Structure formats: C-alpha cells, structure tokens
Amino acid sequence: MTNRDQQFGEICEAIAVEYLNKHGYRIVEQNYRTKLGEIDIIAKDKGVLVFIEVKARKSFRFGNPKWAVTPKKQRKISMVALYYLKATKQRDVKARFDVVSIYPIQGSQGIELIKNAFELAYT
C-alpha cells in the first residue's frame, strides 16, 4: 500500500512521462533500480540517452523542486547511470542528465524541463 507522498510521486512521474513524450522523448525505462540507487526515467531524445530525475513539490515552502537535485544526488544518479551503461553494454553512447521540475501554479502544475542539468559526477 502506498502512502500519500508515494502517490504524489507516482502522479508526478506520470505527468513527467506525458510531458516528455509530447516533447519527442521515447521512454526506455522507468524507475530503474539498483543497489546503488534509482533513476526515475531513462529515455532517448534525438539519439541521445537521457537520464532524468523528476522532482516535485506541492508548494514552494522548501523552494523550487529543481534545487533538490543536490551535488550528492547528482553523484548518486551518475553512479546508477554508469552502472546502467555497463549493464546494457552501451559504451560509446551519447548521454546527458535532465531534470523535470513539477511545481504548483494557480491550482495546477507548472513543468520545467532542464536539459543538461548537470555533468557526470562520480567523485
């Protein structure tokens, strides 16, 4: 059974997937989990493999959700992305990291897609 926060997260990831599909992304994986961590969405965008972190907030009380992708979170996502590339034998593929930020705006959701949100970080 999922709690309210998990349900909110699932709804926001579905919103992100719909948004990405409308903008030409082809979803490859969702909720890719390893012992190292998780990547919310893995997609293809014009021949580039994209590792996507979805961040959402119900209010701006704790700031814009995109700022929750801290350097520590970036390192974790990077490690999982490297693991994915190795596990799927994709060595010479172009890849990048995007963030989808979902936030409240006038009773609805605003969505911001940040392409190339950060560089590979593994140290």
PDB file of N, CA and C in Angstrom:
ATOM      1  N   MET A   1       0.841  -1.185   0.000  1.00  0.00           N
ATOM      2  CA  MET A   1       0.000   0.000   0.000  1.00  0.00           C
ATOM      3  C   MET A   1       0.886   1.249   0.000  1.00  0.00           C
ATOM      4  N   THR A   2       0.557   2.200  -0.850  1.00  0.00           N
ATOM      5  CA  THR A   2       1.361   3.411  -0.947  1.00  0.00           C
ATOM      6  C   THR A   2       0.776   4.517  -0.079  1.00  0.00           C
ATOM      7  N   ASN A   3       1.672   5.356   0.459  1.00  0.00           N
ATOM      8  CA  ASN A   3       1.188   6.479   1.248  1.00  0.00           C
ATOM      9  C   ASN A   3       0.970   7.689   0.337  1.00  0.00           C
ATOM     10  N   ARG A   4       0.512   8.787   0.889  1.00  0.00           N
ATOM     11  CA  ARG A   4       0.185   9.983   0.093  1.00  0.00           C
ATOM     12  C   ARG A   4       1.401  10.539  -0.653  1.00  0.00           C
ATOM     13  N   ASP A   5       2.554  10.549   0.003  1.00  0.00           N
ATOM     14  CA  ASP A   5       3.756  11.059  -0.655  1.00  0.00           C
ATOM     15  C   ASP A   5       4.150  10.180  -1.838  1.00  0.00           C
ATOM     16  N   GLN A   6       4.037   8.863  -1.670  1.00  0.00           N
ATOM     17  CA  GLN A   6       4.348   7.955  -2.773  1.00  0.00           C
ATOM     18  C   GLN A   6       3.352   8.132  -3.916  1.00  0.00           C
ATOM     19  N   GLN A   7       2.087   8.292  -3.576  1.00  0.00           N
ATOM     20  CA  GLN A   7       1.075   8.523  -4.607  1.00  0.00           C
ATOM     21  C   GLN A   7       1.350   9.819  -5.362  1.00  0.00           C
ATOM     22  N   PHE A   8       1.713  10.865  -4.631  1.00  0.00           N
ATOM     23  CA  PHE A   8       2.048  12.149  -5.251  1.00  0.00           C
ATOM     24  C   PHE A   8       3.237  11.970  -6.197  1.00  0.00           C
ATOM     25  N   GLY A   9       4.241  11.237  -5.749  1.00  0.00           N
ATOM     26  CA  GLY A   9       5.412  10.977  -6.584  1.00  0.00           C
ATOM     27  C   GLY A   9       5.058  10.216  -7.854  1.00  0.00           C
ATOM     28  N   GLU A  10       4.221   9.207  -7.726  1.00  0.00           N
ATOM     29  CA  GLU A  10       3.795   8.419  -8.893  1.00  0.00           C
ATOM     30  C   GLU A  10       3.015   9.283  -9.886  1.00  0.00           C
ATOM     31  N   ILE A  11       2.132  10.130  -9.366  1.00  0.00           N
ATOM     32  CA  ILE A  11       1.348  11.017 -10.233  1.00  0.00           C
ATOM     33  C   ILE A  11       2.281  11.981 -10.969  1.00  0.00           C
ATOM     34  N   CYS A  12       3.235  12.538 -10.246  1.00  0.00           N
ATOM     35  CA  CYS A  12       4.161  13.497 -10.866  1.00  0.00           C
ATOM     36  C   CYS A  12       5.060  12.820 -11.898  1.00  0.00           C
ATOM     37  N   GLU A  13       5.482  11.600 -11.647  1.00  0.00           N
ATOM     38  CA  GLU A  13       6.278  10.882 -12.651  1.00  0.00           C
ATOM     39  C   GLU A  13       5.441  10.609 -13.904  1.00  0.00           C
ATOM     40  N   ALA A  14       4.163  10.303 -13.725  1.00  0.00           N
ATOM     41  CA  ALA A  14       3.286  10.094 -14.881  1.00  0.00           C
ATOM     42  C   ALA A  14       3.117  11.395 -15.665  1.00  0.00           C
ATOM     43  N   ILE A  15       2.997  12.513 -14.967  1.00  0.00           N
ATOM     44  CA  ILE A  15       2.916  13.818 -15.623  1.00  0.00           C
ATOM     45  C   ILE A  15       4.202  14.080 -16.403  1.00  0.00           C
ATOM     46  N   ALA A  16       5.347  13.766 -15.809  1.00  0.00           N
ATOM     47  CA  ALA A  16       6.639  13.968 -16.467  1.00  0.00           C
ATOM     48  C   ALA A  16       6.751  13.107 -17.728  1.00  0.00           C
ATOM     49  N   VAL A  17       6.331  11.849 -17.645  1.00  0.00           N
ATOM     50  CA  VAL A  17       6.389  10.949 -18.802  1.00  0.00           C
ATOM     51  C   VAL A  17       5.529  11.496 -19.938  1.00  0.00           C
ATOM     52  N   GLU A  18       4.322  11.938 -19.609  1.00  0.00           N
ATOM     53  CA  GLU A  18       3.436  12.509 -20.629  1.00  0.00           C
ATOM     54  C   GLU A  18       4.080  13.742 -21.274  1.00  0.00           C
ATOM     55  N   TYR A  19       4.643  14.601 -20.457  1.00  0.00           N
ATOM     56  CA  TYR A  19       5.305  15.815 -20.947  1.00  0.00           C
ATOM     57  C   TYR A  19       6.480  15.460 -21.862  1.00  0.00           C
ATOM     58  N   LEU A  20       7.306  14.527 -21.421  1.00  0.00           N
ATOM     59  CA  LEU A  20       8.468  14.120 -22.219  1.00  0.00           C
ATOM     60  C   LEU A  20       8.037  13.507 -23.549  1.00  0.00           C
ATOM     61  N   ASN A  21       7.026  12.649 -23.527  1.00  0.00           N
ATOM     62  CA  ASN A  21       6.511  12.054 -24.765  1.00  0.00           C
ATOM     63  C   ASN A  21       6.050  13.132 -25.739  1.00  0.00           C
ATOM     64  N   LYS A  22       5.360  14.145 -25.230  1.00  0.00           N
ATOM     65  CA  LYS A  22       4.878  15.241 -26.080  1.00  0.00           C
ATOM     66  C   LYS A  22       6.032  16.044 -26.685  1.00  0.00           C
ATOM     67  N   HIS A  23       7.183  16.001 -26.017  1.00  0.00           N
ATOM     68  CA  HIS A  23       8.340  16.762 -26.489  1.00  0.00           C
ATOM     69  C   HIS A  23       9.365  15.880 -27.206  1.00  0.00           C
ATOM     70  N   GLY A  24       8.913  14.723 -27.696  1.00  0.00           N
ATOM     71  CA  GLY A  24       9.736  13.902 -28.568  1.00  0.00           C
ATOM     72  C   GLY A  24      10.636  12.881 -27.904  1.00  0.00           C
ATOM     73  N   TYR A  25      10.589  12.759 -26.600  1.00  0.00           N
ATOM     74  CA  TYR A  25      11.378  11.747 -25.903  1.00  0.00           C
ATOM     75  C   TYR A  25      10.698  10.389 -26.082  1.00  0.00           C
ATOM     76  N   ARG A  26      11.516   9.341 -26.149  1.00  0.00           N
ATOM     77  CA  ARG A  26      10.994   7.975 -26.183  1.00  0.00           C
ATOM     78  C   ARG A  26      11.453   7.300 -24.892  1.00  0.00           C
ATOM     79  N   ILE A  27      10.508   6.931 -24.056  1.00  0.00           N
ATOM     80  CA  ILE A  27      10.817   6.349 -22.748  1.00  0.00           C
ATOM     81  C   ILE A  27      11.375   4.940 -22.942  1.00  0.00           C
ATOM     82  N   VAL A  28      12.529   4.682 -22.310  1.00  0.00           N
ATOM     83  CA  VAL A  28      13.185   3.374 -22.374  1.00  0.00           C
ATOM     84  C   VAL A  28      12.937   2.596 -21.088  1.00  0.00           C
ATOM     85  N   GLU A  29      13.060   3.266 -19.956  1.00  0.00           N
ATOM     86  CA  GLU A  29      12.873   2.630 -18.633  1.00  0.00           C
ATOM     87  C   GLU A  29      12.251   3.641 -17.678  1.00  0.00           C
ATOM     88  N   GLN A  30      11.501   3.127 -16.720  1.00  0.00           N
ATOM     89  CA  GLN A  30      11.012   3.952 -15.626  1.00  0.00           C
ATOM     90  C   GLN A  30      11.388   3.277 -14.318  1.00  0.00           C
ATOM     91  N   ASN A  31      11.758   4.079 -13.349  1.00  0.00           N
ATOM     92  CA  ASN A  31      12.120   3.594 -12.014  1.00  0.00           C
ATOM     93  C   ASN A  31      13.173   2.491 -12.086  1.00  0.00           C
ATOM     94  N   TYR A  32      14.280   2.784 -12.772  1.00  0.00           N
ATOM     95  CA  TYR A  32      15.378   1.830 -12.887  1.00  0.00           C
ATOM     96  C   TYR A  32      16.094   1.787 -11.538  1.00  0.00           C
ATOM     97  N   ARG A  33      16.027   0.614 -10.882  1.00  0.00           N
ATOM     98  CA  ARG A  33      16.575   0.468  -9.529  1.00  0.00           C
ATOM     99  C   ARG A  33      17.760  -0.492  -9.512  1.00  0.00           C
ATOM    100  N   THR A  34      18.775  -0.109  -8.760  1.00  0.00           N
ATOM    101  CA  THR A  34      19.915  -0.982  -8.488  1.00  0.00           C
ATOM    102  C   THR A  34      20.245  -0.845  -7.006  1.00  0.00           C
ATOM    103  N   LYS A  35      21.230  -1.609  -6.569  1.00  0.00           N
ATOM    104  CA  LYS A  35      21.672  -1.481  -5.178  1.00  0.00           C
ATOM    105  C   LYS A  35      22.311  -0.116  -4.925  1.00  0.00           C
ATOM    106  N   LEU A  36      22.717   0.566  -5.992  1.00  0.00           N
ATOM    107  CA  LEU A  36      23.347   1.882  -5.878  1.00  0.00           C
ATOM    108  C   LEU A  36      22.336   3.020  -5.761  1.00  0.00           C
ATOM    109  N   GLY A  37      21.118   2.773  -6.240  1.00  0.00           N
ATOM    110  CA  GLY A  37      20.099   3.816  -6.227  1.00  0.00           C
ATOM    111  C   GLY A  37      19.127   3.650  -7.371  1.00  0.00           C
ATOM    112  N   GLU A  38      18.436   4.739  -7.705  1.00  0.00           N
ATOM    113  CA  GLU A  38      17.375   4.687  -8.708  1.00  0.00           C
ATOM    114  C   GLU A  38      17.476   5.881  -9.648  1.00  0.00           C
ATOM    115  N   ILE A  39      17.074   5.646 -10.883  1.00  0.00           N
ATOM    116  CA  ILE A  39      16.874   6.729 -11.842  1.00  0.00           C
ATOM    117  C   ILE A  39      15.397   6.699 -12.208  1.00  0.00           C
ATOM    118  N   ASP A  40      14.759   7.859 -12.129  1.00  0.00           N
ATOM    119  CA  ASP A  40      13.314   7.928 -12.348  1.00  0.00           C
ATOM    120  C   ASP A  40      12.926   7.520 -13.770  1.00  0.00           C
ATOM    121  N   ILE A  41      13.586   8.127 -14.764  1.00  0.00           N
ATOM    122  CA  ILE A  41      13.235   7.853 -16.155  1.00  0.00           C
ATOM    123  C   ILE A  41      14.515   7.801 -16.994  1.00  0.00           C
ATOM    124  N   ILE A  42      14.588   6.823 -17.882  1.00  0.00           N
ATOM    125  CA  ILE A  42      15.649   6.761 -18.885  1.00  0.00           C
ATOM    126  C   ILE A  42      14.935   6.843 -20.227  1.00  0.00           C
ATOM    127  N   ALA A  43      15.390   7.755 -21.077  1.00  0.00           N
ATOM    128  CA  ALA A  43      14.704   7.983 -22.346  1.00  0.00           C
ATOM    129  C   ALA A  43      15.716   8.261 -23.444  1.00  0.00           C
ATOM    130  N   LYS A  44      15.227   8.260 -24.677  1.00  0.00           N
ATOM    131  CA  LYS A  44      16.013   8.659 -25.840  1.00  0.00           C
ATOM    132  C   LYS A  44      15.456   9.983 -26.346  1.00  0.00           C
ATOM    133  N   ASP A  45      16.346  10.894 -26.662  1.00  0.00           N
ATOM    134  CA  ASP A  45      15.973  12.178 -27.245  1.00  0.00           C
ATOM    135  C   ASP A  45      16.915  12.460 -28.403  1.00  0.00           C
ATOM    136  N   LYS A  46      16.419  12.289 -29.608  1.00  0.00           N
ATOM    137  CA  LYS A  46      17.210  12.551 -30.818  1.00  0.00           C
ATOM    138  C   LYS A  46      18.560  11.836 -30.786  1.00  0.00           C
ATOM    139  N   GLY A  47      18.538  10.557 -30.456  1.00  0.00           N
ATOM    140  CA  GLY A  47      19.754   9.756 -30.467  1.00  0.00           C
ATOM    141  C   GLY A  47      20.613   9.857 -29.219  1.00  0.00           C
ATOM    142  N   VAL A  48      20.190  10.638 -28.251  1.00  0.00           N
ATOM    143  CA  VAL A  48      20.930  10.793 -27.000  1.00  0.00           C
ATOM    144  C   VAL A  48      20.187  10.034 -25.905  1.00  0.00           C
ATOM    145  N   LEU A  49      20.929   9.265 -25.109  1.00  0.00           N
ATOM    146  CA  LEU A  49      20.343   8.575 -23.963  1.00  0.00           C
ATOM    147  C   LEU A  49      20.277   9.578 -22.814  1.00  0.00           C
ATOM    148  N   VAL A  50      19.098   9.739 -22.244  1.00  0.00           N
ATOM    149  CA  VAL A  50      18.888  10.764 -21.226  1.00  0.00           C
ATOM    150  C   VAL A  50      18.455  10.118 -19.911  1.00  0.00           C
ATOM    151  N   PHE A  51      19.188  10.445 -18.861  1.00  0.00           N
ATOM    152  CA  PHE A  51      18.849  10.007 -17.506  1.00  0.00           C
ATOM    153  C   PHE A  51      18.124  11.176 -16.845  1.00  0.00           C
ATOM    154  N   ILE A  52      16.885  10.933 -16.426  1.00  0.00           N
ATOM    155  CA  ILE A  52      16.022  12.023 -15.990  1.00  0.00           C
ATOM    156  C   ILE A  52      15.611  11.846 -14.537  1.00  0.00           C
ATOM    157  N   GLU A  53      15.829  12.899 -13.763  1.00  0.00           N
ATOM    158  CA  GLU A  53      15.380  12.958 -12.378  1.00  0.00           C
ATOM    159  C   GLU A  53      14.128  13.826 -12.337  1.00  0.00           C
ATOM    160  N   VAL A  54      13.077  13.327 -11.698  1.00  0.00           N
ATOM    161  CA  VAL A  54      11.834  14.083 -11.552  1.00  0.00           C
ATOM    162  C   VAL A  54      11.760  14.578 -10.108  1.00  0.00           C
ATOM    163  N   LYS A  55      11.578  15.880  -9.954  1.00  0.00           N
ATOM    164  CA  LYS A  55      11.416  16.476  -8.633  1.00  0.00           C
ATOM    165  C   LYS A  55      10.139  17.283  -8.622  1.00  0.00           C
ATOM    166  N   ALA A  56       9.359  17.131  -7.571  1.00  0.00           N
ATOM    167  CA  ALA A  56       8.069  17.819  -7.479  1.00  0.00           C
ATOM    168  C   ALA A  56       7.850  18.341  -6.066  1.00  0.00           C
ATOM    169  N   ARG A  57       7.070  19.414  -5.989  1.00  0.00           N
ATOM    170  CA  ARG A  57       6.693  19.990  -4.713  1.00  0.00           C
ATOM    171  C   ARG A  57       5.219  20.371  -4.768  1.00  0.00           C
ATOM    172  N   LYS A  58       4.583  20.279  -3.617  1.00  0.00           N
ATOM    173  CA  LYS A  58       3.186  20.716  -3.504  1.00  0.00           C
ATOM    174  C   LYS A  58       3.102  22.214  -3.244  1.00  0.00           C
ATOM    175  N   SER A  59       4.211  22.790  -2.789  1.00  0.00           N
ATOM    176  CA  SER A  59       4.283  24.234  -2.534  1.00  0.00           C
ATOM    177  C   SER A  59       5.746  24.665  -2.682  1.00  0.00           C
ATOM    178  N   PHE A  60       5.964  25.963  -2.612  1.00  0.00           N
ATOM    179  CA  PHE A  60       7.331  26.485  -2.693  1.00  0.00           C
ATOM    180  C   PHE A  60       7.929  26.695  -1.301  1.00  0.00           C
ATOM    181  N   ARG A  61       7.302  26.134  -0.302  1.00  0.00           N
ATOM    182  CA  ARG A  61       7.771  26.293   1.079  1.00  0.00           C
ATOM    183  C   ARG A  61       9.246  25.910   1.221  1.00  0.00           C
ATOM    184  N   PHE A  62       9.669  24.873   0.512  1.00  0.00           N
ATOM    185  CA  PHE A  62      11.066  24.424   0.574  1.00  0.00           C
ATOM    186  C   PHE A  62      11.824  24.794  -0.699  1.00  0.00           C
ATOM    187  N   GLY A  63      11.295  25.739  -1.459  1.00  0.00           N
ATOM    188  CA  GLY A  63      11.968  26.207  -2.659  1.00  0.00           C
ATOM    189  C   GLY A  63      11.547  25.440  -3.903  1.00  0.00           C
ATOM    190  N   ASN A  64      12.132  25.837  -5.007  1.00  0.00           N
ATOM    191  CA  ASN A  64      11.856  25.195  -6.290  1.00  0.00           C
ATOM    192  C   ASN A  64      12.365  23.759  -6.243  1.00  0.00           C
ATOM    193  N   PRO A  65      11.572  22.804  -6.724  1.00  0.00           N
ATOM    194  CA  PRO A  65      11.997  21.399  -6.642  1.00  0.00           C
ATOM    195  C   PRO A  65      13.313  21.098  -7.346  1.00  0.00           C
ATOM    196  N   LYS A  66      13.653  21.838  -8.396  1.00  0.00           N
ATOM    197  CA  LYS A  66      14.893  21.549  -9.118  1.00  0.00           C
ATOM    198  C   LYS A  66      16.123  21.704  -8.228  1.00  0.00           C
ATOM    199  N   TRP A  67      16.026  22.537  -7.201  1.00  0.00           N
ATOM    200  CA  TRP A  67      17.182  22.735  -6.317  1.00  0.00           C
ATOM    201  C   TRP A  67      17.405  21.543  -5.392  1.00  0.00           C
ATOM    202  N   ALA A  68      16.492  20.581  -5.389  1.00  0.00           N
ATOM    203  CA  ALA A  68      16.661  19.368  -4.576  1.00  0.00           C
ATOM    204  C   ALA A  68      17.595  18.362  -5.245  1.00  0.00           C
ATOM    205  N   VAL A  69      18.011  18.637  -6.476  1.00  0.00           N
ATOM    206  CA  VAL A  69      18.984  17.769  -7.148  1.00  0.00           C
ATOM    207  C   VAL A  69      20.372  18.301  -6.768  1.00  0.00           C
ATOM    208  N   THR A  70      20.752  17.966  -5.564  1.00  0.00           N
ATOM    209  CA  THR A  70      21.994  18.444  -4.957  1.00  0.00           C
ATOM    210  C   THR A  70      23.216  17.738  -5.563  1.00  0.00           C
ATOM    211  N   PRO A  71      24.410  18.241  -5.297  1.00  0.00           N
ATOM    212  CA  PRO A  71      25.607  17.531  -5.765  1.00  0.00           C
ATOM    213  C   PRO A  71      25.649  16.073  -5.293  1.00  0.00           C
ATOM    214  N   LYS A  72      25.205  15.814  -4.083  1.00  0.00           N
ATOM    215  CA  LYS A  72      25.167  14.436  -3.582  1.00  0.00           C
ATOM    216  C   LYS A  72      24.216  13.584  -4.428  1.00  0.00           C
ATOM    217  N   LYS A  73      23.042  14.126  -4.745  1.00  0.00           N
ATOM    218  CA  LYS A  73      22.062  13.409  -5.580  1.00  0.00           C
ATOM    219  C   LYS A  73      22.619  13.218  -6.990  1.00  0.00           C
ATOM    220  N   GLN A  74      23.319  14.211  -7.507  1.00  0.00           N
ATOM    221  CA  GLN A  74      23.926  14.112  -8.833  1.00  0.00           C
ATOM    222  C   GLN A  74      24.948  12.977  -8.883  1.00  0.00           C
ATOM    223  N   ARG A  75      25.758  12.837  -7.841  1.00  0.00           N
ATOM    224  CA  ARG A  75      26.733  11.739  -7.783  1.00  0.00           C
ATOM    225  C   ARG A  75      26.028  10.388  -7.779  1.00  0.00           C
ATOM    226  N   LYS A  76      24.954  10.282  -7.010  1.00  0.00           N
ATOM    227  CA  LYS A  76      24.206   9.014  -6.936  1.00  0.00           C
ATOM    228  C   LYS A  76      23.597   8.675  -8.302  1.00  0.00           C
ATOM    229  N   ILE A  77      22.971   9.645  -8.949  1.00  0.00           N
ATOM    230  CA  ILE A  77      22.382   9.421 -10.272  1.00  0.00           C
ATOM    231  C   ILE A  77      23.475   9.031 -11.263  1.00  0.00           C
ATOM    232  N   SER A  78      24.619   9.698 -11.197  1.00  0.00           N
ATOM    233  CA  SER A  78      25.742   9.402 -12.090  1.00  0.00           C
ATOM    234  C   SER A  78      26.219   7.966 -11.927  1.00  0.00           C
ATOM    235  N   MET A  79      26.328   7.520 -10.685  1.00  0.00           N
ATOM    236  CA  MET A  79      26.783   6.148 -10.425  1.00  0.00           C
ATOM    237  C   MET A  79      25.790   5.133 -11.004  1.00  0.00           C
ATOM    238  N   VAL A  80      24.495   5.390 -10.826  1.00  0.00           N
ATOM    239  CA  VAL A  80      23.484   4.479 -11.358  1.00  0.00           C
ATOM    240  C   VAL A  80      23.512   4.510 -12.895  1.00  0.00           C
ATOM    241  N   ALA A  81      23.713   5.686 -13.470  1.00  0.00           N
ATOM    242  CA  ALA A  81      23.778   5.800 -14.933  1.00  0.00           C
ATOM    243  C   ALA A  81      24.972   5.012 -15.481  1.00  0.00           C
ATOM    244  N   LEU A  82      26.121   5.123 -14.845  1.00  0.00           N
ATOM    245  CA  LEU A  82      27.294   4.351 -15.276  1.00  0.00           C
ATOM    246  C   LEU A  82      27.029   2.853 -15.155  1.00  0.00           C
ATOM    247  N   TYR A  83      26.382   2.450 -14.081  1.00  0.00           N
ATOM    248  CA  TYR A  83      26.017   1.048 -13.888  1.00  0.00           C
ATOM    249  C   TYR A  83      25.096   0.589 -15.029  1.00  0.00           C
ATOM    250  N   TYR A  84      24.101   1.415 -15.362  1.00  0.00           N
ATOM    251  CA  TYR A  84      23.161   1.088 -16.434  1.00  0.00           C
ATOM    252  C   TYR A  84      23.894   0.928 -17.764  1.00  0.00           C
ATOM    253  N   LEU A  85      24.774   1.866 -18.074  1.00  0.00           N
ATOM    254  CA  LEU A  85      25.515   1.796 -19.338  1.00  0.00           C
ATOM    255  C   LEU A  85      26.354   0.524 -19.417  1.00  0.00           C
ATOM    256  N   LYS A  86      26.985   0.169 -18.315  1.00  0.00           N
ATOM    257  CA  LYS A  86      27.798  -1.055 -18.287  1.00  0.00           C
ATOM    258  C   LYS A  86      26.912  -2.297 -18.404  1.00  0.00           C
ATOM    259  N   ALA A  87      25.816  -2.317 -17.654  1.00  0.00           N
ATOM    260  CA  ALA A  87      24.921  -3.483 -17.654  1.00  0.00           C
ATOM    261  C   ALA A  87      24.266  -3.699 -19.017  1.00  0.00           C
ATOM    262  N   THR A  88      24.032  -2.613 -19.757  1.00  0.00           N
ATOM    263  CA  THR A  88      23.375  -2.727 -21.059  1.00  0.00           C
ATOM    264  C   THR A  88      24.381  -2.678 -22.213  1.00  0.00           C
ATOM    265  N   LYS A  89      25.676  -2.717 -21.854  1.00  0.00           N
ATOM    266  CA  LYS A  89      26.764  -2.746 -22.843  1.00  0.00           C
ATOM    267  C   LYS A  89      26.668  -1.588 -23.848  1.00  0.00           C
ATOM    268  N   GLN A  90      26.440  -0.404 -23.314  1.00  0.00           N
ATOM    269  CA  GLN A  90      26.383   0.801 -24.145  1.00  0.00           C
ATOM    270  C   GLN A  90      27.590   1.669 -23.794  1.00  0.00           C
ATOM    271  N   ARG A  91      28.676   1.472 -24.528  1.00  0.00           N
ATOM    272  CA  ARG A  91      29.923   2.156 -24.193  1.00  0.00           C
ATOM    273  C   ARG A  91      30.102   3.498 -24.894  1.00  0.00           C
ATOM    274  N   ASP A  92      29.763   3.581 -26.151  1.00  0.00           N
ATOM    275  CA  ASP A  92      30.031   4.797 -26.920  1.00  0.00           C
ATOM    276  C   ASP A  92      28.759   5.573 -27.230  1.00  0.00           C
ATOM    277  N   VAL A  93      27.845   5.576 -26.297  1.00  0.00           N
ATOM    278  CA  VAL A  93      26.573   6.260 -26.496  1.00  0.00           C
ATOM    279  C   VAL A  93      26.674   7.697 -25.951  1.00  0.00           C
ATOM    280  N   LYS A  94      26.042   8.635 -26.643  1.00  0.00           N
ATOM    281  CA  LYS A  94      25.942   9.995 -26.120  1.00  0.00           C
ATOM    282  C   LYS A  94      24.881   9.984 -25.032  1.00  0.00           C
ATOM    283  N   ALA A  95      25.184  10.618 -23.916  1.00  0.00           N
ATOM    284  CA  ALA A  95      24.246  10.629 -22.795  1.00  0.00           C
ATOM    285  C   ALA A  95      24.271  11.989 -22.112  1.00  0.00           C
ATOM    286  N   ARG A  96      23.170  12.280 -21.424  1.00  0.00           N
ATOM    287  CA  ARG A  96      23.111  13.515 -20.639  1.00  0.00           C
ATOM    288  C   ARG A  96      22.145  13.321 -19.473  1.00  0.00           C
ATOM    289  N   PHE A  97      22.132  14.299 -18.585  1.00  0.00           N
ATOM    290  CA  PHE A  97      21.270  14.279 -17.414  1.00  0.00           C
ATOM    291  C   PHE A  97      20.303  15.461 -17.478  1.00  0.00           C
ATOM    292  N   ASP A  98      19.014  15.165 -17.446  1.00  0.00           N
ATOM    293  CA  ASP A  98      17.977  16.187 -17.431  1.00  0.00           C
ATOM    294  C   ASP A  98      17.232  16.120 -16.098  1.00  0.00           C
ATOM    295  N   VAL A  99      16.585  17.216 -15.756  1.00  0.00           N
ATOM    296  CA  VAL A  99      15.727  17.269 -14.576  1.00  0.00           C
ATOM    297  C   VAL A  99      14.368  17.805 -15.016  1.00  0.00           C
ATOM    298  N   VAL A 100      13.315  17.145 -14.554  1.00  0.00           N
ATOM    299  CA  VAL A 100      11.955  17.651 -14.736  1.00  0.00           C
ATOM    300  C   VAL A 100      11.489  18.131 -13.373  1.00  0.00           C
ATOM    301  N   SER A 101      11.178  19.428 -13.310  1.00  0.00           N
ATOM    302  CA  SER A 101      10.720  20.059 -12.077  1.00  0.00           C
ATOM    303  C   SER A 101       9.223  20.326 -12.203  1.00  0.00           C
ATOM    304  N   ILE A 102       8.453  19.815 -11.253  1.00  0.00           N
ATOM    305  CA  ILE A 102       6.997  19.996 -11.266  1.00  0.00           C
ATOM    306  C   ILE A 102       6.620  20.761 -10.004  1.00  0.00           C
ATOM    307  N   TYR A 103       5.894  21.859 -10.190  1.00  0.00           N
ATOM    308  CA  TYR A 103       5.586  22.743  -9.070  1.00  0.00           C
ATOM    309  C   TYR A 103       4.168  23.291  -9.223  1.00  0.00           C
ATOM    310  N   PRO A 104       3.583  23.749  -8.114  1.00  0.00           N
ATOM    311  CA  PRO A 104       2.214  24.262  -8.174  1.00  0.00           C
ATOM    312  C   PRO A 104       2.175  25.638  -8.839  1.00  0.00           C
ATOM    313  N   ILE A 105       1.148  25.836  -9.659  1.00  0.00           N
ATOM    314  CA  ILE A 105       0.955  27.140 -10.282  1.00  0.00           C
ATOM    315  C   ILE A 105      -0.541  27.335 -10.520  1.00  0.00           C
ATOM    316  N   GLN A 106      -1.138  28.275  -9.808  1.00  0.00           N
ATOM    317  CA  GLN A 106      -2.546  28.629  -9.932  1.00  0.00           C
ATOM    318  C   GLN A 106      -3.467  27.411  -9.979  1.00  0.00           C
ATOM    319  N   GLY A 107      -3.366  26.549  -8.990  1.00  0.00           N
ATOM    320  CA  GLY A 107      -4.246  25.394  -8.876  1.00  0.00           C
ATOM    321  C   GLY A 107      -3.923  24.250  -9.821  1.00  0.00           C
ATOM    322  N   SER A 108      -2.819  24.336 -10.539  1.00  0.00           N
ATOM    323  CA  SER A 108      -2.406  23.289 -11.471  1.00  0.00           C
ATOM    324  C   SER A 108      -0.923  23.002 -11.231  1.00  0.00           C
ATOM    325  N   GLN A 109      -0.275  22.394 -12.221  1.00  0.00           N
ATOM    326  CA  GLN A 109       1.151  22.135 -12.116  1.00  0.00           C
ATOM    327  C   GLN A 109       1.888  22.878 -13.211  1.00  0.00           C
ATOM    328  N   GLY A 110       3.001  23.464 -12.816  1.00  0.00           N
ATOM    329  CA  GLY A 110       3.936  24.003 -13.788  1.00  0.00           C
ATOM    330  C   GLY A 110       5.016  22.957 -14.006  1.00  0.00           C
ATOM    331  N   ILE A 111       5.553  22.906 -15.202  1.00  0.00           N
ATOM    332  CA  ILE A 111       6.598  21.923 -15.510  1.00  0.00           C
ATOM    333  C   ILE A 111       7.767  22.649 -16.152  1.00  0.00           C
ATOM    334  N   GLU A 112       8.947  22.358 -15.647  1.00  0.00           N
ATOM    335  CA  GLU A 112      10.169  22.907 -16.234  1.00  0.00           C
ATOM    336  C   GLU A 112      11.087  21.739 -16.574  1.00  0.00           C
ATOM    337  N   LEU A 113      11.538  21.697 -17.806  1.00  0.00           N
ATOM    338  CA  LEU A 113      12.496  20.689 -18.253  1.00  0.00           C
ATOM    339  C   LEU A 113      13.862  21.355 -18.335  1.00  0.00           C
ATOM    340  N   ILE A 114      14.799  20.861 -17.571  1.00  0.00           N
ATOM    341  CA  ILE A 114      16.156  21.396 -17.588  1.00  0.00           C
ATOM    342  C   ILE A 114      17.037  20.371 -18.288  1.00  0.00           C
ATOM    343  N   LYS A 115      17.384  20.653 -19.548  1.00  0.00           N
ATOM    344  CA  LYS A 115      18.257  19.762 -20.310  1.00  0.00           C
ATOM    345  C   LYS A 115      19.699  20.011 -19.880  1.00  0.00           C
ATOM    346  N   ASN A 116      20.492  18.938 -19.882  1.00  0.00           N
ATOM    347  CA  ASN A 116      21.895  19.049 -19.458  1.00  0.00           C
ATOM    348  C   ASN A 116      21.990  19.730 -18.092  1.00  0.00           C
ATOM    349  N   ALA A 117      21.167  19.268 -17.162  1.00  0.00           N
ATOM    350  CA  ALA A 117      21.073  19.897 -15.845  1.00  0.00           C
ATOM    351  C   ALA A 117      22.381  19.821 -15.065  1.00  0.00           C
ATOM    352  N   PHE A 118      23.152  18.754 -15.294  1.00  0.00           N
ATOM    353  CA  PHE A 118      24.447  18.616 -14.622  1.00  0.00           C
ATOM    354  C   PHE A 118      25.326  17.666 -15.401  1.00  0.00           C
ATOM    355  N   GLU A 119      26.611  17.732 -15.097  1.00  0.00           N
ATOM    356  CA  GLU A 119      27.603  16.869 -15.726  1.00  0.00           C
ATOM    357  C   GLU A 119      27.749  15.579 -14.920  1.00  0.00           C
ATOM    358  N   LEU A 120      28.346  14.576 -15.518  1.00  0.00           N
ATOM    359  CA  LEU A 120      28.643  13.333 -14.822  1.00  0.00           C
ATOM    360  C   LEU A 120      29.464  13.649 -13.575  1.00  0.00           C
ATOM    361  N   ALA A 121      29.011  13.157 -12.428  1.00  0.00           N
ATOM    362  CA  ALA A 121      29.675  13.436 -11.157  1.00  0.00           C
ATOM    363  C   ALA A 121      29.836  12.121 -10.397  1.00  0.00           C
ATOM    364  N   TYR A 122      31.057  11.661 -10.246  1.00  0.00           N
ATOM    365  CA  TYR A 122      31.244  10.361  -9.572  1.00  0.00           C
ATOM    366  C   TYR A 122      32.367  10.367  -8.557  1.00  0.00           C
ATOM    367  N   THR A 123      32.888  11.510  -8.216  1.00  0.00           N
ATOM    368  CA  THR A 123      33.949  11.556  -7.200  1.00  0.00           C
ATOM    369  C   THR A 123      33.451  12.120  -5.902  1.00  0.00           C
TER     370      THR A 123
END
